[in-house]
Every structure is written in structure tokens, then in C-alpha cells.
Protein backbone atom coordinates (compact mmCIF):
# COMPACT_ATOMS: atom_id res chain seq x y z
CA UNK A 1 0.00 0.00 0.00
CA UNK A 2 1.28 3.46 -0.92
CA UNK A 3 1.27 5.91 1.99
CA UNK A 4 2.78 9.20 3.11
CA UNK A 5 4.58 11.61 0.83
CA UNK A 6 4.51 9.31 -2.22
CA UNK A 7 0.76 8.86 -1.88
CA UNK A 8 0.33 12.63 -1.65
CA UNK A 9 2.40 13.16 -4.82
CA UNK A 10 0.45 10.51 -6.73
CA UNK A 11 -2.87 12.00 -5.61
CA UNK A 12 -1.68 15.43 -6.69
CA UNK A 13 -0.70 14.13 -10.13
CA UNK A 14 -4.00 12.29 -10.43
CA UNK A 15 -5.86 15.53 -9.67
CA UNK A 16 -3.85 17.41 -12.31
CA UNK A 17 -4.61 14.79 -14.96
CA UNK A 18 -8.29 14.62 -13.97
CA UNK A 19 -8.68 18.40 -14.07
CA UNK A 20 -6.98 18.43 -17.48
CA UNK A 21 -9.55 15.99 -18.81
CA UNK A 22 -7.57 12.76 -18.63
CA UNK A 23 -10.03 10.58 -16.72
CA UNK A 24 -9.28 7.06 -17.95
CA UNK A 25 -7.18 5.38 -15.21
CA UNK A 26 -5.10 3.45 -17.76
CA UNK A 27 -4.22 6.67 -19.59
CA UNK A 28 -3.25 8.32 -16.31
CA UNK A 29 -1.04 5.37 -15.34
CA UNK A 30 0.56 5.42 -18.79
CA UNK A 31 1.37 9.13 -18.48
CA UNK A 32 2.70 8.76 -14.92
CA UNK A 33 4.90 5.87 -16.04
CA UNK A 34 6.23 7.94 -18.93
CA UNK A 35 7.03 10.88 -16.63
CA UNK A 36 8.83 8.58 -14.16
CA UNK A 37 10.83 7.00 -17.00
CA UNK A 38 11.93 10.38 -18.40
CA UNK A 39 12.83 11.56 -14.88
CA UNK A 40 14.92 8.44 -14.20
CA UNK A 41 16.57 8.59 -17.64
CA UNK A 42 17.64 12.18 -16.99
CA UNK A 43 18.91 11.30 -13.49
CA UNK A 44 20.92 8.40 -14.87
CA UNK A 45 22.42 10.55 -17.62
CA UNK A 46 23.36 13.28 -15.12
CA UNK A 47 24.97 10.73 -12.78
CA UNK A 48 27.04 9.23 -15.60
CA UNK A 49 28.17 12.71 -16.67
CA UNK A 50 29.29 13.51 -13.09
CA UNK A 51 31.11 10.19 -12.74
CA UNK A 52 32.89 10.69 -16.05
CA UNK A 53 33.91 14.21 -15.03
CA UNK A 54 35.28 12.98 -11.68
CA UNK A 55 37.30 10.26 -13.41
CA UNK A 56 38.43 12.52 -16.22
CA UNK A 57 36.75 10.35 -18.83
CA UNK A 58 34.94 11.59 -21.90
CA UNK A 59 31.18 11.33 -21.82
CA UNK A 60 28.54 12.23 -24.38
CA UNK A 61 25.05 12.67 -22.98
CA UNK A 62 22.25 10.78 -24.66
CA UNK A 63 20.59 14.20 -24.86
CA UNK A 64 23.61 15.88 -26.51
CA UNK A 65 22.56 15.49 -30.12
CA UNK A 66 19.73 17.01 -32.03
CA UNK A 67 16.71 14.75 -32.40
CA UNK A 68 14.69 14.41 -35.56
CA UNK A 69 10.93 14.43 -34.90
CA UNK A 70 9.07 14.15 -38.17
CA UNK A 71 10.40 16.96 -40.33
CA UNK A 72 11.72 19.00 -37.37
CA UNK A 73 15.02 18.97 -35.56
CA UNK A 74 14.90 19.43 -31.79
CA UNK A 75 17.81 20.24 -29.47
CA UNK A 76 18.12 17.12 -27.32
CA UNK A 77 18.80 19.13 -24.17
CA UNK A 78 15.25 20.51 -24.37
CA UNK A 79 13.97 16.95 -23.87
CA UNK A 80 15.68 16.48 -20.49
CA UNK A 81 13.34 16.31 -17.51
CA UNK A 82 15.60 18.64 -15.54
CA UNK A 83 15.11 21.29 -18.23
CA UNK A 84 11.54 20.61 -19.32
CA UNK A 85 9.90 20.41 -15.88
CA UNK A 86 10.84 24.00 -15.05
CA UNK A 87 9.08 25.43 -18.10
CA UNK A 88 5.91 27.39 -17.40
CA UNK A 89 2.76 25.66 -18.65
CA UNK A 90 2.51 27.95 -21.68
CA UNK A 91 6.07 27.11 -22.77
CA UNK A 92 5.51 23.38 -22.24
CA UNK A 93 2.43 23.65 -24.41
CA UNK A 94 4.27 25.57 -27.12
CA UNK A 95 7.12 23.02 -27.10
CA UNK A 96 4.66 20.21 -27.76
CA UNK A 97 2.18 22.17 -29.85
CA UNK A 98 4.97 23.37 -32.12
CA UNK A 99 5.93 19.77 -32.83
CA UNK A 100 2.49 18.22 -33.30
CA UNK A 101 0.24 18.84 -36.24
CA UNK A 102 -3.45 18.11 -36.25
CA UNK A 103 -4.42 15.84 -39.09
CA UNK A 104 -7.63 14.26 -40.22
CA UNK A 105 -8.42 11.20 -38.12
CA UNK A 106 -8.19 9.13 -41.29
CA UNK A 107 -4.52 10.01 -41.90
CA UNK A 108 -2.64 6.67 -41.86
CA UNK A 109 0.33 7.87 -39.78
CA UNK A 110 -1.73 9.87 -37.31
CA UNK A 111 -2.57 9.01 -33.73
CA UNK A 112 -5.68 10.29 -32.01
CA UNK A 113 -6.14 12.41 -28.94
CA UNK A 114 -8.93 11.82 -26.42
CA UNK A 115 -11.30 13.92 -28.50
CA UNK A 116 -10.78 11.83 -31.62
CA UNK A 117 -8.63 14.46 -33.34
CA UNK A 118 -5.80 13.05 -35.39
CA UNK A 119 -2.19 14.11 -34.83
CA UNK A 120 1.34 13.11 -35.64
CA UNK A 121 4.81 14.33 -34.74
């Protein structure tokens, strides 16, 4: 059973998702899992960078290169949790909105949001 501070954080996240319109428990769990993965990936990358620096070894972050998303190129450092989580909501939205294009739901390479609108990166 989850109790204490962790329970409080999970309840807070649940409330944020619910208020934002994400009410399907499986969707909420999927999003929480994704956020935890990105957080842990960033922590691991930062730890390896520090260890390499202490030992005087070269290290290239997995976030060092530009990333191709569809027809756009994104600076990998903008995808780090430690950078992204400090963005104000409007900037987070613009980061994602600027990379997603609404398409007709019948577009073969499109996904769908919860409202049935098609999108792809």
C-alpha cells in the first residue's frame, strides 16, 4: 500500500490529470509511467556525466545530439526532464504544440487524442 509523501504526490498528479480531462485510469497510469521514466533517464544521464567528469573520462550525454521528430530537428537538451519540468505551462504547451500537427483522423500515420482528433509528430 502506498502511503505518506509518495501517496500525496500521486494523488496530486491524479488531480492534475483529472482536471486536465484525462479521466481514464489506464491513460493516467501510462502518463505517470512515462514521466517517471523520463525523470529516471535524466537522473541516470546526469549521474554518468558527473562520474565521467570525476574520473576525467569523456562522456557524451544521450541528450547531446539534435533529435529528428518528423520533419523538425529538436535540441536534445530541451527533452531532459531537468530542463523541461521548469518550463511554465505555456512554454511546455508551445514546445509540444509546435511539434504536433493536427491531421484528419483518417490520416494513416496519425494518432488520435482523447477527443478523436488526429495528430502526428
